Amino acid sequence: MTEKEKAEIKFLGTAGARFVMITQFRSSAGTVLSLKGTNVLIDPGPGTLVKFTSSKPKLNPARLHAIILTHKHLDHSNDVNVMIEAMTEGGFKKRGVLLCPNDALTNDGNAVVLNYYKGLLDRIETFKEGGSYAVGNIEIQTPKRHVHGVVETYGFNVKVRGENATTVSFIADTLYFDGLEQYYDGDVLVMNVAMYKRREGVDHLCVKDAKKIIELGSPKVAILTHFGMTMLRNKPWEIAKQLSEETGIEVIAARDGMRFDLSPFI
C-alpha cells in the first residue's frame, strides 16, 4: 500500500488521565491518522517519539503533515516539542502545521509549546468553535468547545477535502453536556472514555455517557480509548462488547498499537 492509499487510525497509546500515564499500564503515546496521503499526529503524550521509533514498521515523523493538541494537559501534549523537532528533521526543514487551543501557546508561563519550536513550523492555527482548517487533502473542523476544567479543549471532525461526508470524529476529554453527540457525525467515532462510572467534579466521559452518545449519534463504528484506571479494571474489551449488544452498533475498545482501517468509510 502506498502512502497515498493508506487510510487508517493507529493508536500508539490508549492511556487516559494521570495514573495510567504515570504507571504506563497503557502507553500514553499519541494517535496517528493517515488519510488521502495526509498524516496527522494527535495528542502526543509521554512516549510518543519512543513509540514512533519502536513501531513495526517504524513510523517516520518526517512524514507527518500536522500535529493536533486537543488540549494542553501533559498526557496529551508532553511530547509536542520533540515531535515538532522530529517532524522538521531537527529543525533543518521548516514544515508542518500545529493545530491547538490558544492557551497551549500563550506566553504566561503555562504554554506547552516552546517559542523555539513554534518557529520551526510552516504555520500554527488556533482552534475556535466552528473552526475549519485545511491540512493536505483533509479538512479538520472544531464544532464546539468542550467542558474540561479551565483548559481550552476541542474535539474535531475530519473530512476529505471537497467532500461533504465526515469520515471520522474524535471526541476529546470533556464532561458530557446536552447535545454533545450532535457535533460529531463521523461514520467512525473515536471517544475518550476515561471513567467507568461518573465521578462528581471530574470532567471526563464515563461508560453511561458513551452509551448515550452512541445511541443518539448512531455512528457506523464507535471506538473507545483514553482509559483511566477504573476502565482498565473493568476490562474495556468487555465493556465494548456489552455496548455493542445494547446499542446494535459495533463498538471497539482500542489497544496499544491497534490499527483501524478507514478505507471502507471513504
Protein backbone atom coordinates (compact mmCIF):
# COMPACT_ATOMS: atom_id res chain seq x y z
CA MET A 1 0.00 0.00 0.00
CA THR A 2 1.35 3.41 -0.95
CA GLU A 3 1.34 6.38 1.41
CA LYS A 4 -1.50 7.96 -0.56
CA GLU A 5 -3.58 4.79 -0.36
CA LYS A 6 -3.25 4.43 3.41
CA ALA A 7 -6.44 5.16 5.33
CA GLU A 8 -6.15 4.23 8.97
CA ILE A 9 -6.00 5.25 12.59
CA LYS A 10 -3.08 3.88 14.58
CA PHE A 11 -3.47 4.04 18.34
CA LEU A 12 0.08 4.29 19.65
CA GLY A 13 -1.27 4.66 23.18
CA THR A 14 -4.61 4.31 24.93
CA ALA A 15 -3.83 5.67 28.40
CA GLY A 16 -6.19 8.20 29.90
CA ALA A 17 -5.59 10.58 32.77
CA ARG A 18 -2.68 10.84 35.14
CA PHE A 19 -2.44 7.49 36.95
CA VAL A 20 -2.44 5.30 33.86
CA MET A 21 0.01 7.75 32.29
CA ILE A 22 2.50 7.72 35.19
CA THR A 23 2.31 3.95 35.66
CA GLN A 24 2.27 3.24 31.91
CA PHE A 25 -0.24 0.41 32.38
CA ARG A 26 -1.20 1.61 28.90
CA SER A 27 1.04 3.71 26.68
CA SER A 28 0.37 7.45 26.72
CA ALA A 29 1.75 7.98 23.22
CA GLY A 30 -0.48 9.71 20.68
CA THR A 31 -2.65 8.60 17.79
CA VAL A 32 -1.77 8.81 14.10
CA LEU A 33 -4.43 9.47 11.47
CA SER A 34 -3.49 8.73 7.85
CA LEU A 35 -5.97 9.69 5.16
CA LYS A 36 -5.58 10.59 1.47
CA GLY A 37 -1.82 10.96 1.78
CA THR A 38 -2.07 13.26 4.81
CA ASN A 39 -0.61 12.15 8.15
CA VAL A 40 -1.66 13.80 11.40
CA LEU A 41 -0.38 13.11 14.92
CA ILE A 42 -3.00 13.63 17.62
CA ASP A 43 -2.19 14.38 21.27
CA PRO A 44 1.48 13.33 21.59
CA GLY A 45 1.66 12.40 25.27
CA PRO A 46 4.71 10.95 27.05
CA GLY A 47 6.46 8.27 25.00
CA THR A 48 5.22 9.27 21.55
CA LEU A 49 8.67 9.58 20.00
CA VAL A 50 9.69 6.24 21.51
CA LYS A 51 6.62 4.58 20.01
CA PHE A 52 7.41 6.06 16.60
CA THR A 53 10.88 4.51 16.64
CA SER A 54 9.80 1.16 18.14
CA SER A 55 6.72 0.55 15.96
CA LYS A 56 6.98 -2.19 13.36
CA PRO A 57 7.29 -0.96 10.72
CA LYS A 58 8.81 2.19 12.19
CA LEU A 59 6.87 5.40 11.81
CA ASN A 60 8.75 8.27 10.24
CA PRO A 61 7.91 11.60 11.94
CA ALA A 62 9.29 13.46 8.90
CA ARG A 63 6.22 12.20 7.02
CA LEU A 64 3.84 14.00 9.35
CA HIS A 65 1.94 16.94 7.92
CA ALA A 66 0.40 18.19 11.17
CA ILE A 67 0.22 17.78 14.92
CA ILE A 68 -3.02 18.32 16.82
CA LEU A 69 -3.33 19.11 20.52
CA THR A 70 -6.91 18.80 21.70
CA HIS A 71 -5.75 20.50 24.91
CA LYS A 72 -2.59 21.16 26.86
CA HIS A 73 -2.73 18.60 29.68
CA LEU A 74 0.52 16.64 29.80
CA ASP A 75 -0.99 13.28 28.87
CA HIS A 76 -1.94 14.95 25.56
CA SER A 77 0.95 17.34 24.97
CA ASN A 78 4.14 16.24 26.73
CA ASP A 79 5.98 15.20 23.55
CA VAL A 80 4.77 18.02 21.31
CA ASN A 81 8.10 19.87 21.20
CA VAL A 82 10.22 16.82 20.45
CA MET A 83 7.72 15.70 17.79
CA ILE A 84 7.91 19.13 16.14
CA GLU A 85 11.68 18.73 16.10
CA ALA A 86 11.37 15.24 14.62
CA MET A 87 8.76 16.34 12.05
CA THR A 88 11.08 19.13 10.89
CA GLU A 89 14.15 16.84 10.84
CA GLY A 90 15.91 18.61 13.66
CA GLY A 91 14.63 21.99 12.59
CA PHE A 92 16.51 21.91 9.29
CA LYS A 93 13.31 21.66 7.22
CA LYS A 94 10.68 24.23 8.12
CA ARG A 95 7.44 22.37 7.61
CA GLY A 96 4.24 21.13 9.12
CA VAL A 97 1.21 22.59 10.86
CA LEU A 98 0.37 22.77 14.55
CA LEU A 99 -3.34 22.92 15.41
CA CYS A 100 -4.10 23.62 19.06
CA PRO A 101 -6.03 25.80 21.51
CA ASN A 102 -4.65 29.26 22.14
CA ASP A 103 -3.84 28.55 25.79
CA ALA A 104 -1.27 25.93 24.71
CA LEU A 105 0.74 28.80 23.21
CA THR A 106 0.24 31.83 25.44
CA ASN A 107 3.37 33.30 26.96
CA ASP A 108 2.10 33.46 30.54
CA GLY A 109 4.33 30.73 31.90
CA ASN A 110 1.80 27.99 31.17
CA ALA A 111 2.40 27.37 27.46
CA VAL A 112 3.32 23.82 26.49
CA VAL A 113 4.73 24.70 23.05
CA LEU A 114 8.10 26.41 23.42
CA ASN A 115 8.81 29.54 21.39
CA TYR A 116 11.77 27.98 19.60
CA TYR A 117 9.64 25.14 18.23
CA LYS A 118 6.92 27.48 17.06
CA GLY A 119 9.47 28.92 14.65
CA LEU A 120 10.19 25.54 13.04
CA LEU A 121 6.66 25.15 11.69
CA ASP A 122 5.10 26.35 8.45
CA ARG A 123 2.15 27.63 10.39
CA ILE A 124 0.20 27.46 13.64
CA GLU A 125 -3.57 27.69 13.76
CA THR A 126 -5.51 28.06 16.99
CA PHE A 127 -8.79 26.27 17.49
CA LYS A 128 -12.10 28.04 17.88
CA GLU A 129 -15.73 26.99 17.87
CA GLY A 130 -16.90 26.44 14.32
CA GLY A 131 -13.35 26.48 13.02
CA SER A 132 -12.21 24.75 9.83
CA TYR A 133 -8.58 24.02 8.96
CA ALA A 134 -7.10 22.59 5.76
CA VAL A 135 -4.16 20.20 6.06
CA GLY A 136 -3.05 18.45 2.89
CA ASN A 137 -6.01 16.57 1.48
CA ILE A 138 -8.18 16.73 4.58
CA GLU A 139 -10.28 19.30 6.40
CA ILE A 140 -10.39 19.40 10.20
CA GLN A 141 -13.36 21.04 11.89
CA THR A 142 -13.77 22.00 15.56
CA PRO A 143 -17.51 22.40 16.08
CA LYS A 144 -17.73 23.04 19.83
CA ARG A 145 -15.50 23.83 22.79
CA HIS A 146 -15.61 21.05 25.36
CA VAL A 147 -16.12 21.25 29.13
CA HIS A 148 -12.84 20.17 30.68
CA GLY A 149 -11.83 22.28 33.62
CA VAL A 150 -10.23 25.63 32.84
CA VAL A 151 -8.19 24.50 29.83
CA GLU A 152 -9.42 25.06 26.29
CA THR A 153 -10.36 21.69 24.83
CA TYR A 154 -11.75 20.74 21.42
CA GLY A 155 -12.82 17.59 19.65
CA PHE A 156 -12.83 17.54 15.87
CA ASN A 157 -14.30 16.09 12.69
CA VAL A 158 -12.19 15.02 9.73
CA LYS A 159 -13.40 15.21 6.13
CA VAL A 160 -11.71 14.57 2.83
CA ARG A 161 -11.42 17.99 1.20
CA GLY A 162 -14.09 18.60 -1.40
CA GLU A 163 -16.48 16.06 0.11
CA ASN A 164 -19.39 16.61 2.48
CA ALA A 165 -19.36 13.40 4.49
CA THR A 166 -17.40 13.23 7.74
CA THR A 167 -15.09 10.24 7.74
CA VAL A 168 -14.06 10.19 11.38
CA SER A 169 -14.84 12.19 14.51
CA PHE A 170 -12.79 12.48 17.69
CA ILE A 171 -14.49 13.38 20.96
CA ALA A 172 -11.69 14.55 23.24
CA ASP A 173 -11.79 14.86 27.02
CA THR A 174 -15.00 16.50 28.22
CA LEU A 175 -17.82 16.41 30.69
CA TYR A 176 -20.95 15.23 28.91
CA PHE A 177 -23.29 18.10 28.04
CA ASP A 178 -26.66 18.06 26.30
CA GLY A 179 -26.29 17.76 22.55
CA LEU A 180 -22.61 16.78 22.58
CA GLU A 181 -23.20 13.94 20.11
CA GLN A 182 -24.85 16.32 17.60
CA TYR A 183 -21.49 17.95 16.87
CA TYR A 184 -19.78 14.70 15.79
CA ASP A 185 -21.27 12.99 12.75
CA GLY A 186 -18.43 10.78 11.53
CA ASP A 187 -19.07 7.26 10.28
CA VAL A 188 -16.29 6.34 12.70
CA LEU A 189 -16.48 7.92 16.15
CA VAL A 190 -13.45 7.83 18.46
CA MET A 191 -14.24 8.72 22.08
CA ASN A 192 -12.06 9.36 25.11
CA VAL A 193 -13.81 7.39 27.86
CA ALA A 194 -11.65 7.70 30.95
CA MET A 195 -14.09 6.60 33.64
CA TYR A 196 -16.22 3.53 34.24
CA LYS A 197 -18.75 5.45 36.34
CA ARG A 198 -19.43 9.15 36.78
CA ARG A 199 -17.40 10.92 39.45
CA GLU A 200 -18.55 14.29 40.69
CA GLY A 201 -16.17 17.07 39.73
CA VAL A 202 -14.27 15.04 37.12
CA ASP A 203 -14.76 16.38 33.59
CA HIS A 204 -14.44 13.12 31.64
CA LEU A 205 -16.86 10.80 29.89
CA CYS A 206 -17.97 7.57 31.55
CA VAL A 207 -19.49 4.40 30.07
CA LYS A 208 -23.05 5.64 30.59
CA ASP A 209 -22.17 8.80 28.64
CA ALA A 210 -20.58 6.75 25.87
CA LYS A 211 -23.71 4.64 25.51
CA LYS A 212 -25.90 7.72 25.22
CA ILE A 213 -23.59 9.29 22.61
CA ILE A 214 -23.54 6.10 20.54
CA GLU A 215 -27.31 5.64 20.69
CA LEU A 216 -28.10 9.25 19.77
CA GLY A 217 -25.26 9.78 17.31
CA SER A 218 -25.56 6.43 15.51
CA PRO A 219 -22.06 6.14 14.03
CA LYS A 220 -21.28 3.05 11.98
CA VAL A 221 -18.43 2.18 14.35
CA ALA A 222 -17.52 3.61 17.76
CA ILE A 223 -14.02 3.22 19.20
CA LEU A 224 -13.35 3.74 22.90
CA THR A 225 -9.90 4.91 24.02
CA HIS A 226 -8.06 7.01 26.64
CA PHE A 227 -8.79 4.68 29.53
CA GLY A 228 -8.36 5.56 33.18
CA MET A 229 -7.80 3.03 35.95
CA THR A 230 -11.48 2.27 36.57
CA MET A 231 -11.96 1.46 32.89
CA LEU A 232 -8.95 -0.85 32.84
CA ARG A 233 -10.10 -2.66 35.99
CA ASN A 234 -13.46 -3.31 34.32
CA LYS A 235 -11.90 -4.62 31.07
CA PRO A 236 -12.58 -2.22 28.18
CA TRP A 237 -12.99 -5.06 25.67
CA GLU A 238 -15.87 -6.48 27.73
CA ILE A 239 -17.42 -3.02 28.08
CA ALA A 240 -17.23 -2.58 24.30
CA LYS A 241 -18.86 -5.95 23.72
CA GLN A 242 -21.71 -5.08 26.08
CA LEU A 243 -22.22 -1.68 24.43
CA SER A 244 -22.34 -3.35 21.02
CA GLU A 245 -25.07 -5.69 22.24
CA GLU A 246 -27.05 -2.89 23.89
CA THR A 247 -26.83 -0.33 21.08
CA GLY A 248 -26.73 -2.54 17.99
CA ILE A 249 -23.67 -0.58 16.80
CA GLU A 250 -20.18 -2.02 16.53
CA VAL A 251 -18.13 -0.78 19.48
CA ILE A 252 -14.40 -1.47 19.76
CA ALA A 253 -12.04 -0.92 22.69
CA ALA A 254 -8.75 0.39 21.33
CA ARG A 255 -5.50 -1.36 22.25
CA ASP A 256 -1.97 -0.01 22.22
CA GLY A 257 -0.62 -0.40 18.70
CA MET A 258 -4.04 -1.14 17.17
CA ARG A 259 -4.62 -0.15 13.55
CA PHE A 260 -8.15 0.61 12.39
CA ASP A 261 -8.82 0.57 8.65
CA LEU A 262 -10.75 3.61 7.40
CA SER A 263 -10.85 2.59 3.75
CA PRO A 264 -14.44 1.20 3.91
CA PHE A 265 -15.63 4.65 5.06
CA ILE A 266 -14.16 6.86 2.34
